[in-house]
């Protein structure tokens, strides 16, 4: 549980779409689609997570440009974890799944 305020609906909606794009398919969505969804999250990110969403977005853009090393950087992994945590805890993901 978190004491942070609920993120804006646009952040939650983009987070839900991103989650579905990488887990709800046989293969993850193409990188361009992932970038667009994370861009939407970044645009609506609450201030407590804005730096991490920006790092996440930059890393995806680097991957699209051919720099796969971006995903191995500890700060990128940490940022992705924090964005996912903020989305999951702030947007009621666990509430929807029950138990």
PDB file of N, CA and C in Angstrom:
ATOM      1  N   UNK A   1       0.846  -1.186   0.000  1.00  0.00           N
ATOM      2  CA  UNK A   1       0.000   0.000   0.000  1.00  0.00           C
ATOM      3  C   UNK A   1       0.889   1.247   0.000  1.00  0.00           C
ATOM      4  N   UNK A   2       0.369   2.315  -0.508  1.00  0.00           N
ATOM      5  CA  UNK A   2       1.140   3.548  -0.600  1.00  0.00           C
ATOM      6  C   UNK A   2       0.347   4.709  -0.013  1.00  0.00           C
ATOM      7  N   UNK A   3       1.089   5.688   0.518  1.00  0.00           N
ATOM      8  CA  UNK A   3       0.450   6.892   1.039  1.00  0.00           C
ATOM      9  C   UNK A   3       0.368   7.978  -0.019  1.00  0.00           C
ATOM     10  N   UNK A   4       0.872   7.707  -1.201  1.00  0.00           N
ATOM     11  CA  UNK A   4       0.849   8.690  -2.277  1.00  0.00           C
ATOM     12  C   UNK A   4      -0.561   8.825  -2.831  1.00  0.00           C
ATOM     13  N   UNK A   5      -0.891  10.007  -3.333  1.00  0.00           N
ATOM     14  CA  UNK A   5      -2.231  10.187  -3.915  1.00  0.00           C
ATOM     15  C   UNK A   5      -2.394   9.349  -5.187  1.00  0.00           C
ATOM     16  N   UNK A   6      -3.628   9.060  -5.512  1.00  0.00           N
ATOM     17  CA  UNK A   6      -3.928   8.310  -6.731  1.00  0.00           C
ATOM     18  C   UNK A   6      -3.412   9.092  -7.937  1.00  0.00           C
ATOM     19  N   UNK A   7      -2.735   8.416  -8.852  1.00  0.00           N
ATOM     20  CA  UNK A   7      -2.250   9.092 -10.064  1.00  0.00           C
ATOM     21  C   UNK A   7      -3.421   9.537 -10.938  1.00  0.00           C
ATOM     22  N   UNK A   8      -3.175  10.450 -11.857  1.00  0.00           N
ATOM     23  CA  UNK A   8      -4.230  10.875 -12.782  1.00  0.00           C
ATOM     24  C   UNK A   8      -4.753   9.684 -13.599  1.00  0.00           C
ATOM     25  N   UNK A   9      -6.001   9.778 -14.007  1.00  0.00           N
ATOM     26  CA  UNK A   9      -6.623   8.707 -14.793  1.00  0.00           C
ATOM     27  C   UNK A   9      -5.831   8.416 -16.061  1.00  0.00           C
ATOM     28  N   UNK A  10      -5.282   9.440 -16.695  1.00  0.00           N
ATOM     29  CA  UNK A  10      -4.524   9.235 -17.937  1.00  0.00           C
ATOM     30  C   UNK A  10      -3.289   8.362 -17.700  1.00  0.00           C
ATOM     31  N   UNK A  11      -2.634   8.514 -16.560  1.00  0.00           N
ATOM     32  CA  UNK A  11      -1.486   7.681 -16.200  1.00  0.00           C
ATOM     33  C   UNK A  11      -1.932   6.231 -16.029  1.00  0.00           C
ATOM     34  N   UNK A  12      -3.031   6.049 -15.315  1.00  0.00           N
ATOM     35  CA  UNK A  12      -3.544   4.702 -15.070  1.00  0.00           C
ATOM     36  C   UNK A  12      -4.008   4.033 -16.364  1.00  0.00           C
ATOM     37  N   UNK A  13      -4.685   4.770 -17.206  1.00  0.00           N
ATOM     38  CA  UNK A  13      -5.169   4.208 -18.472  1.00  0.00           C
ATOM     39  C   UNK A  13      -3.997   3.797 -19.370  1.00  0.00           C
ATOM     40  N   UNK A  14      -2.991   4.642 -19.451  1.00  0.00           N
ATOM     41  CA  UNK A  14      -1.815   4.308 -20.262  1.00  0.00           C
ATOM     42  C   UNK A  14      -1.061   3.133 -19.646  1.00  0.00           C
ATOM     43  N   UNK A  15      -0.982   3.095 -18.340  1.00  0.00           N
ATOM     44  CA  UNK A  15      -0.328   1.975 -17.665  1.00  0.00           C
ATOM     45  C   UNK A  15      -1.044   0.662 -17.920  1.00  0.00           C
ATOM     46  N   UNK A  16      -2.346   0.698 -17.864  1.00  0.00           N
ATOM     47  CA  UNK A  16      -3.139  -0.504 -18.133  1.00  0.00           C
ATOM     48  C   UNK A  16      -2.930  -0.970 -19.574  1.00  0.00           C
ATOM     49  N   UNK A  17      -2.933  -0.030 -20.506  1.00  0.00           N
ATOM     50  CA  UNK A  17      -2.710  -0.374 -21.916  1.00  0.00           C
ATOM     51  C   UNK A  17      -1.296  -0.921 -22.118  1.00  0.00           C
ATOM     52  N   UNK A  18      -0.311  -0.330 -21.441  1.00  0.00           N
ATOM     53  CA  UNK A  18       1.063  -0.815 -21.567  1.00  0.00           C
ATOM     54  C   UNK A  18       1.171  -2.233 -21.023  1.00  0.00           C
ATOM     55  N   UNK A  19       0.606  -2.448 -19.857  1.00  0.00           N
ATOM     56  CA  UNK A  19       0.644  -3.786 -19.258  1.00  0.00           C
ATOM     57  C   UNK A  19       0.030  -4.820 -20.209  1.00  0.00           C
ATOM     58  N   UNK A  20      -1.105  -4.486 -20.792  1.00  0.00           N
ATOM     59  CA  UNK A  20      -1.756  -5.398 -21.736  1.00  0.00           C
ATOM     60  C   UNK A  20      -0.897  -5.605 -22.983  1.00  0.00           C
ATOM     61  N   UNK A  21      -0.169  -4.574 -23.385  1.00  0.00           N
ATOM     62  CA  UNK A  21       0.639  -4.678 -24.605  1.00  0.00           C
ATOM     63  C   UNK A  21       1.839  -5.601 -24.443  1.00  0.00           C
ATOM     64  N   UNK A  22       2.283  -5.788 -23.207  1.00  0.00           N
ATOM     65  CA  UNK A  22       3.449  -6.651 -23.013  1.00  0.00           C
ATOM     66  C   UNK A  22       3.103  -7.994 -22.386  1.00  0.00           C
ATOM     67  N   UNK A  23       1.914  -8.126 -21.814  1.00  0.00           N
ATOM     68  CA  UNK A  23       1.569  -9.391 -21.153  1.00  0.00           C
ATOM     69  C   UNK A  23       0.349 -10.078 -21.762  1.00  0.00           C
ATOM     70  N   UNK A  24      -0.496  -9.344 -22.446  1.00  0.00           N
ATOM     71  CA  UNK A  24      -1.743  -9.903 -22.927  1.00  0.00           C
ATOM     72  C   UNK A  24      -1.683 -10.471 -24.330  1.00  0.00           C
ATOM     73  N   UNK A  25      -0.499 -10.665 -24.841  1.00  0.00           N
ATOM     74  CA  UNK A  25      -0.330 -11.146 -26.211  1.00  0.00           C
ATOM     75  C   UNK A  25       0.670 -12.291 -26.227  1.00  0.00           C
ATOM     76  N   UNK A  26       0.697 -12.971 -27.340  1.00  0.00           N
ATOM     77  CA  UNK A  26       1.687 -14.038 -27.505  1.00  0.00           C
ATOM     78  C   UNK A  26       3.094 -13.436 -27.508  1.00  0.00           C
ATOM     79  N   UNK A  27       3.230 -12.279 -28.133  1.00  0.00           N
ATOM     80  CA  UNK A  27       4.509 -11.552 -28.171  1.00  0.00           C
ATOM     81  C   UNK A  27       4.245 -10.125 -27.701  1.00  0.00           C
ATOM     82  N   UNK A  28       5.242  -9.516 -27.062  1.00  0.00           N
ATOM     83  CA  UNK A  28       5.047  -8.107 -26.667  1.00  0.00           C
ATOM     84  C   UNK A  28       4.782  -7.223 -27.886  1.00  0.00           C
ATOM     85  N   UNK A  29       4.116  -6.129 -27.647  1.00  0.00           N
ATOM     86  CA  UNK A  29       3.826  -5.161 -28.709  1.00  0.00           C
ATOM     87  C   UNK A  29       5.129  -4.658 -29.323  1.00  0.00           C
ATOM     88  N   UNK A  30       5.059  -4.215 -30.569  1.00  0.00           N
ATOM     89  CA  UNK A  30       6.243  -3.616 -31.190  1.00  0.00           C
ATOM     90  C   UNK A  30       6.745  -2.431 -30.367  1.00  0.00           C
ATOM     91  N   UNK A  31       8.023  -2.173 -30.449  1.00  0.00           N
ATOM     92  CA  UNK A  31       8.650  -1.116 -29.652  1.00  0.00           C
ATOM     93  C   UNK A  31       7.990   0.239 -29.868  1.00  0.00           C
ATOM     94  N   UNK A  32       7.583   0.546 -31.087  1.00  0.00           N
ATOM     95  CA  UNK A  32       6.939   1.844 -31.347  1.00  0.00           C
ATOM     96  C   UNK A  32       5.648   1.976 -30.546  1.00  0.00           C
ATOM     97  N   UNK A  33       4.890   0.903 -30.424  1.00  0.00           N
ATOM     98  CA  UNK A  33       3.654   0.939 -29.633  1.00  0.00           C
ATOM     99  C   UNK A  33       3.971   1.083 -28.146  1.00  0.00           C
ATOM    100  N   UNK A  34       4.984   0.378 -27.679  1.00  0.00           N
ATOM    101  CA  UNK A  34       5.384   0.502 -26.276  1.00  0.00           C
ATOM    102  C   UNK A  34       5.817   1.937 -25.967  1.00  0.00           C
ATOM    103  N   UNK A  35       6.585   2.527 -26.879  1.00  0.00           N
ATOM    104  CA  UNK A  35       7.042   3.907 -26.684  1.00  0.00           C
ATOM    105  C   UNK A  35       5.848   4.845 -26.576  1.00  0.00           C
ATOM    106  N   UNK A  36       4.886   4.696 -27.446  1.00  0.00           N
ATOM    107  CA  UNK A  36       3.715   5.587 -27.411  1.00  0.00           C
ATOM    108  C   UNK A  36       2.979   5.462 -26.085  1.00  0.00           C
ATOM    109  N   UNK A  37       2.829   4.262 -25.576  1.00  0.00           N
ATOM    110  CA  UNK A  37       2.126   4.063 -24.307  1.00  0.00           C
ATOM    111  C   UNK A  37       2.920   4.641 -23.137  1.00  0.00           C
ATOM    112  N   UNK A  38       4.233   4.421 -23.130  1.00  0.00           N
ATOM    113  CA  UNK A  38       5.050   4.986 -22.051  1.00  0.00           C
ATOM    114  C   UNK A  38       5.113   6.503 -22.180  1.00  0.00           C
ATOM    115  N   UNK A  39       5.091   7.015 -23.404  1.00  0.00           N
ATOM    116  CA  UNK A  39       5.033   8.469 -23.602  1.00  0.00           C
ATOM    117  C   UNK A  39       3.764   9.036 -22.960  1.00  0.00           C
ATOM    118  N   UNK A  40       2.642   8.333 -23.123  1.00  0.00           N
ATOM    119  CA  UNK A  40       1.383   8.776 -22.491  1.00  0.00           C
ATOM    120  C   UNK A  40       1.495   8.722 -20.965  1.00  0.00           C
ATOM    121  N   UNK A  41       2.130   7.683 -20.452  1.00  0.00           N
ATOM    122  CA  UNK A  41       2.336   7.599 -18.997  1.00  0.00           C
ATOM    123  C   UNK A  41       3.214   8.754 -18.530  1.00  0.00           C
ATOM    124  N   UNK A  42       4.272   9.016 -19.276  1.00  0.00           N
ATOM    125  CA  UNK A  42       5.200  10.080 -18.911  1.00  0.00           C
ATOM    126  C   UNK A  42       4.498  11.445 -18.898  1.00  0.00           C
ATOM    127  N   UNK A  43       3.659  11.673 -19.880  1.00  0.00           N
ATOM    128  CA  UNK A  43       2.954  12.961 -19.968  1.00  0.00           C
ATOM    129  C   UNK A  43       2.009  13.176 -18.796  1.00  0.00           C
ATOM    130  N   UNK A  44       1.494  12.087 -18.232  1.00  0.00           N
ATOM    131  CA  UNK A  44       0.520  12.203 -17.145  1.00  0.00           C
ATOM    132  C   UNK A  44       1.098  11.802 -15.785  1.00  0.00           C
ATOM    133  N   UNK A  45       2.378  11.529 -15.733  1.00  0.00           N
ATOM    134  CA  UNK A  45       2.987  11.021 -14.508  1.00  0.00           C
ATOM    135  C   UNK A  45       2.896  12.001 -13.352  1.00  0.00           C
ATOM    136  N   UNK A  46       2.550  11.503 -12.180  1.00  0.00           N
ATOM    137  CA  UNK A  46       2.605  12.354 -10.989  1.00  0.00           C
ATOM    138  C   UNK A  46       4.069  12.755 -10.740  1.00  0.00           C
ATOM    139  N   UNK A  47       4.267  13.851 -10.056  1.00  0.00           N
ATOM    140  CA  UNK A  47       5.626  14.373  -9.858  1.00  0.00           C
ATOM    141  C   UNK A  47       6.541  13.386  -9.145  1.00  0.00           C
ATOM    142  N   UNK A  48       5.992  12.522  -8.292  1.00  0.00           N
ATOM    143  CA  UNK A  48       6.837  11.587  -7.551  1.00  0.00           C
ATOM    144  C   UNK A  48       7.442  10.494  -8.431  1.00  0.00           C
ATOM    145  N   UNK A  49       6.934  10.306  -9.629  1.00  0.00           N
ATOM    146  CA  UNK A  49       7.423   9.254 -10.506  1.00  0.00           C
ATOM    147  C   UNK A  49       7.876   9.792 -11.867  1.00  0.00           C
ATOM    148  N   UNK A  50       7.775  11.071 -12.078  1.00  0.00           N
ATOM    149  CA  UNK A  50       8.064  11.679 -13.383  1.00  0.00           C
ATOM    150  C   UNK A  50       9.483  11.402 -13.871  1.00  0.00           C
ATOM    151  N   UNK A  51      10.469  11.475 -13.005  1.00  0.00           N
ATOM    152  CA  UNK A  51      11.852  11.220 -13.437  1.00  0.00           C
ATOM    153  C   UNK A  51      12.010   9.777 -13.903  1.00  0.00           C
ATOM    154  N   UNK A  52      11.339   8.856 -13.224  1.00  0.00           N
ATOM    155  CA  UNK A  52      11.435   7.450 -13.611  1.00  0.00           C
ATOM    156  C   UNK A  52      10.701   7.168 -14.914  1.00  0.00           C
ATOM    157  N   UNK A  53       9.556   7.783 -15.126  1.00  0.00           N
ATOM    158  CA  UNK A  53       8.867   7.556 -16.407  1.00  0.00           C
ATOM    159  C   UNK A  53       9.690   8.137 -17.556  1.00  0.00           C
ATOM    160  N   UNK A  54      10.352   9.256 -17.320  1.00  0.00           N
ATOM    161  CA  UNK A  54      11.210   9.852 -18.356  1.00  0.00           C
ATOM    162  C   UNK A  54      12.392   8.938 -18.665  1.00  0.00           C
ATOM    163  N   UNK A  55      12.990   8.334 -17.648  1.00  0.00           N
ATOM    164  CA  UNK A  55      14.092   7.397 -17.850  1.00  0.00           C
ATOM    165  C   UNK A  55      13.624   6.173 -18.625  1.00  0.00           C
ATOM    166  N   UNK A  56      12.466   5.655 -18.262  1.00  0.00           N
ATOM    167  CA  UNK A  56      11.863   4.507 -18.941  1.00  0.00           C
ATOM    168  C   UNK A  56      11.648   4.842 -20.421  1.00  0.00           C
ATOM    169  N   UNK A  57      11.071   5.991 -20.690  1.00  0.00           N
ATOM    170  CA  UNK A  57      10.810   6.406 -22.067  1.00  0.00           C
ATOM    171  C   UNK A  57      12.109   6.549 -22.864  1.00  0.00           C
ATOM    172  N   UNK A  58      13.095   7.216 -22.293  1.00  0.00           N
ATOM    173  CA  UNK A  58      14.386   7.388 -22.986  1.00  0.00           C
ATOM    174  C   UNK A  58      15.019   6.033 -23.300  1.00  0.00           C
ATOM    175  N   UNK A  59      14.916   5.087 -22.380  1.00  0.00           N
ATOM    176  CA  UNK A  59      15.498   3.762 -22.612  1.00  0.00           C
ATOM    177  C   UNK A  59      14.803   3.053 -23.773  1.00  0.00           C
ATOM    178  N   UNK A  60      13.485   3.135 -23.837  1.00  0.00           N
ATOM    179  CA  UNK A  60      12.759   2.527 -24.954  1.00  0.00           C
ATOM    180  C   UNK A  60      13.156   3.183 -26.278  1.00  0.00           C
ATOM    181  N   UNK A  61      13.311   4.486 -26.254  1.00  0.00           N
ATOM    182  CA  UNK A  61      13.728   5.202 -27.465  1.00  0.00           C
ATOM    183  C   UNK A  61      15.134   4.783 -27.887  1.00  0.00           C
ATOM    184  N   UNK A  62      16.011   4.549 -26.914  1.00  0.00           N
ATOM    185  CA  UNK A  62      17.361   4.081 -27.222  1.00  0.00           C
ATOM    186  C   UNK A  62      17.315   2.692 -27.859  1.00  0.00           C
ATOM    187  N   UNK A  63      16.473   1.835 -27.322  1.00  0.00           N
ATOM    188  CA  UNK A  63      16.325   0.492 -27.876  1.00  0.00           C
ATOM    189  C   UNK A  63      15.821   0.581 -29.313  1.00  0.00           C
ATOM    190  N   UNK A  64      14.841   1.435 -29.542  1.00  0.00           N
ATOM    191  CA  UNK A  64      14.310   1.603 -30.897  1.00  0.00           C
ATOM    192  C   UNK A  64      15.398   2.084 -31.861  1.00  0.00           C
ATOM    193  N   UNK A  65      16.315   2.901 -31.353  1.00  0.00           N
ATOM    194  CA  UNK A  65      17.403   3.435 -32.177  1.00  0.00           C
ATOM    195  C   UNK A  65      18.551   2.436 -32.343  1.00  0.00           C
ATOM    196  N   UNK A  66      18.409   1.261 -31.731  1.00  0.00           N
ATOM    197  CA  UNK A  66      19.414   0.226 -31.909  1.00  0.00           C
ATOM    198  C   UNK A  66      20.350   0.006 -30.746  1.00  0.00           C
ATOM    199  N   UNK A  67      20.172   0.736 -29.650  1.00  0.00           N
ATOM    200  CA  UNK A  67      21.030   0.596 -28.481  1.00  0.00           C
ATOM    201  C   UNK A  67      20.342  -0.291 -27.444  1.00  0.00           C
ATOM    202  N   UNK A  68      20.513  -1.591 -27.587  1.00  0.00           N
ATOM    203  CA  UNK A  68      19.892  -2.533 -26.662  1.00  0.00           C
ATOM    204  C   UNK A  68      20.507  -2.523 -25.279  1.00  0.00           C
ATOM    205  N   UNK A  69      21.674  -1.883 -25.124  1.00  0.00           N
ATOM    206  CA  UNK A  69      22.328  -1.849 -23.810  1.00  0.00           C
ATOM    207  C   UNK A  69      21.529  -1.039 -22.790  1.00  0.00           C
ATOM    208  N   UNK A  70      20.624  -0.214 -23.261  1.00  0.00           N
ATOM    209  CA  UNK A  70      19.832   0.615 -22.350  1.00  0.00           C
ATOM    210  C   UNK A  70      19.065  -0.229 -21.338  1.00  0.00           C
ATOM    211  N   UNK A  71      18.595  -1.393 -21.748  1.00  0.00           N
ATOM    212  CA  UNK A  71      17.779  -2.214 -20.844  1.00  0.00           C
ATOM    213  C   UNK A  71      18.603  -2.852 -19.739  1.00  0.00           C
ATOM    214  N   UNK A  72      19.922  -2.912 -19.893  1.00  0.00           N
ATOM    215  CA  UNK A  72      20.780  -3.532 -18.888  1.00  0.00           C
ATOM    216  C   UNK A  72      21.297  -2.556 -17.841  1.00  0.00           C
ATOM    217  N   UNK A  73      21.003  -1.281 -17.993  1.00  0.00           N
ATOM    218  CA  UNK A  73      21.501  -0.284 -17.056  1.00  0.00           C
ATOM    219  C   UNK A  73      20.709  -0.341 -15.751  1.00  0.00           C
ATOM    220  N   UNK A  74      21.399  -0.409 -14.607  1.00  0.00           N
ATOM    221  CA  UNK A  74      20.704  -0.491 -13.321  1.00  0.00           C
ATOM    222  C   UNK A  74      19.701   0.639 -13.087  1.00  0.00           C
ATOM    223  N   UNK A  75      20.038   1.859 -13.510  1.00  0.00           N
ATOM    224  CA  UNK A  75      19.107   2.974 -13.281  1.00  0.00           C
ATOM    225  C   UNK A  75      17.841   2.798 -14.115  1.00  0.00           C
ATOM    226  N   UNK A  76      17.977   2.199 -15.295  1.00  0.00           N
ATOM    227  CA  UNK A  76      16.801   1.948 -16.139  1.00  0.00           C
ATOM    228  C   UNK A  76      15.948   0.854 -15.517  1.00  0.00           C
ATOM    229  N   UNK A  77      16.574  -0.211 -15.087  1.00  0.00           N
ATOM    230  CA  UNK A  77      15.822  -1.298 -14.434  1.00  0.00           C
ATOM    231  C   UNK A  77      15.086  -0.775 -13.209  1.00  0.00           C
ATOM    232  N   UNK A  78      15.767   0.043 -12.426  1.00  0.00           N
ATOM    233  CA  UNK A  78      15.145   0.623 -11.236  1.00  0.00           C
ATOM    234  C   UNK A  78      13.966   1.512 -11.618  1.00  0.00           C
ATOM    235  N   UNK A  79      14.134   2.331 -12.641  1.00  0.00           N
ATOM    236  CA  UNK A  79      13.064   3.233 -13.079  1.00  0.00           C
ATOM    237  C   UNK A  79      11.849   2.437 -13.541  1.00  0.00           C
ATOM    238  N   UNK A  80      12.071   1.395 -14.333  1.00  0.00           N
ATOM    239  CA  UNK A  80      10.962   0.567 -14.817  1.00  0.00           C
ATOM    240  C   UNK A  80      10.241  -0.081 -13.638  1.00  0.00           C
ATOM    241  N   UNK A  81      11.000  -0.590 -12.682  1.00  0.00           N
ATOM    242  CA  UNK A  81      10.403  -1.196 -11.487  1.00  0.00           C
ATOM    243  C   UNK A  81       9.552  -0.184 -10.735  1.00  0.00           C
ATOM    244  N   UNK A  82      10.072   1.022 -10.560  1.00  0.00           N
ATOM    245  CA  UNK A  82       9.340   2.054  -9.817  1.00  0.00           C
ATOM    246  C   UNK A  82       8.071   2.497 -10.562  1.00  0.00           C
ATOM    247  N   UNK A  83       8.148   2.633 -11.875  1.00  0.00           N
ATOM    248  CA  UNK A  83       6.965   3.007 -12.656  1.00  0.00           C
ATOM    249  C   UNK A  83       5.914   1.909 -12.540  1.00  0.00           C
ATOM    250  N   UNK A  84       6.345   0.672 -12.679  1.00  0.00           N
ATOM    251  CA  UNK A  84       5.400  -0.444 -12.557  1.00  0.00           C
ATOM    252  C   UNK A  84       4.779  -0.499 -11.168  1.00  0.00           C
ATOM    253  N   UNK A  85       5.597  -0.267 -10.149  1.00  0.00           N
ATOM    254  CA  UNK A  85       5.097  -0.286  -8.772  1.00  0.00           C
ATOM    255  C   UNK A  85       4.071   0.834  -8.565  1.00  0.00           C
ATOM    256  N   UNK A  86       4.406   2.022  -9.049  1.00  0.00           N
ATOM    257  CA  UNK A  86       3.503   3.173  -8.867  1.00  0.00           C
ATOM    258  C   UNK A  86       2.187   2.934  -9.597  1.00  0.00           C
ATOM    259  N   UNK A  87       2.261   2.381 -10.795  1.00  0.00           N
ATOM    260  CA  UNK A  87       1.050   2.051 -11.547  1.00  0.00           C
ATOM    261  C   UNK A  87       0.243   0.992 -10.783  1.00  0.00           C
ATOM    262  N   UNK A  88       0.889  -0.085 -10.396  1.00  0.00           N
ATOM    263  CA  UNK A  88       0.181  -1.182  -9.740  1.00  0.00           C
ATOM    264  C   UNK A  88      -0.462  -0.758  -8.427  1.00  0.00           C
ATOM    265  N   UNK A  89       0.289  -0.048  -7.605  1.00  0.00           N
ATOM    266  CA  UNK A  89      -0.220   0.350  -6.296  1.00  0.00           C
ATOM    267  C   UNK A  89      -1.162   1.549  -6.367  1.00  0.00           C
ATOM    268  N   UNK A  90      -0.885   2.477  -7.260  1.00  0.00           N
ATOM    269  CA  UNK A  90      -1.672   3.703  -7.316  1.00  0.00           C
ATOM    270  C   UNK A  90      -2.939   3.616  -8.151  1.00  0.00           C
ATOM    271  N   UNK A  91      -2.951   2.650  -9.067  1.00  0.00           N
ATOM    272  CA  UNK A  91      -4.092   2.575 -10.004  1.00  0.00           C
ATOM    273  C   UNK A  91      -5.020   1.405  -9.704  1.00  0.00           C
ATOM    274  N   UNK A  92      -4.876   0.807  -8.537  1.00  0.00           N
ATOM    275  CA  UNK A  92      -5.795  -0.234  -8.113  1.00  0.00           C
ATOM    276  C   UNK A  92      -5.658  -1.570  -8.829  1.00  0.00           C
ATOM    277  N   UNK A  93      -4.473  -1.864  -9.365  1.00  0.00           N
ATOM    278  CA  UNK A  93      -4.274  -3.134 -10.078  1.00  0.00           C
ATOM    279  C   UNK A  93      -4.562  -4.304  -9.153  1.00  0.00           C
ATOM    280  N   UNK A  94      -4.050  -4.245  -7.941  1.00  0.00           N
ATOM    281  CA  UNK A  94      -4.245  -5.354  -7.014  1.00  0.00           C
ATOM    282  C   UNK A  94      -5.703  -5.441  -6.567  1.00  0.00           C
ATOM    283  N   UNK A  95      -6.381  -4.317  -6.512  1.00  0.00           N
ATOM    284  CA  UNK A  95      -7.797  -4.310  -6.151  1.00  0.00           C
ATOM    285  C   UNK A  95      -8.621  -5.067  -7.186  1.00  0.00           C
ATOM    286  N   UNK A  96      -8.276  -4.900  -8.470  1.00  0.00           N
ATOM    287  CA  UNK A  96      -9.015  -5.550  -9.551  1.00  0.00           C
ATOM    288  C   UNK A  96      -8.796  -7.051  -9.571  1.00  0.00           C
ATOM    289  N   UNK A  97      -7.602  -7.476  -9.179  1.00  0.00           N
ATOM    290  CA  UNK A  97      -7.262  -8.891  -9.255  1.00  0.00           C
ATOM    291  C   UNK A  97      -7.768  -9.664  -8.043  1.00  0.00           C
ATOM    292  N   UNK A  98      -8.084  -8.944  -6.999  1.00  0.00           N
ATOM    293  CA  UNK A  98      -8.572  -9.602  -5.799  1.00  0.00           C
ATOM    294  C   UNK A  98      -7.451 -10.305  -5.051  1.00  0.00           C
ATOM    295  N   UNK A  99      -7.781 -10.770  -3.827  1.00  0.00           N
ATOM    296  CA  UNK A  99      -6.912 -11.532  -2.944  1.00  0.00           C
ATOM    297  C   UNK A  99      -5.505 -11.297  -3.121  1.00  0.00           C
TER     298      UNK A  99
END
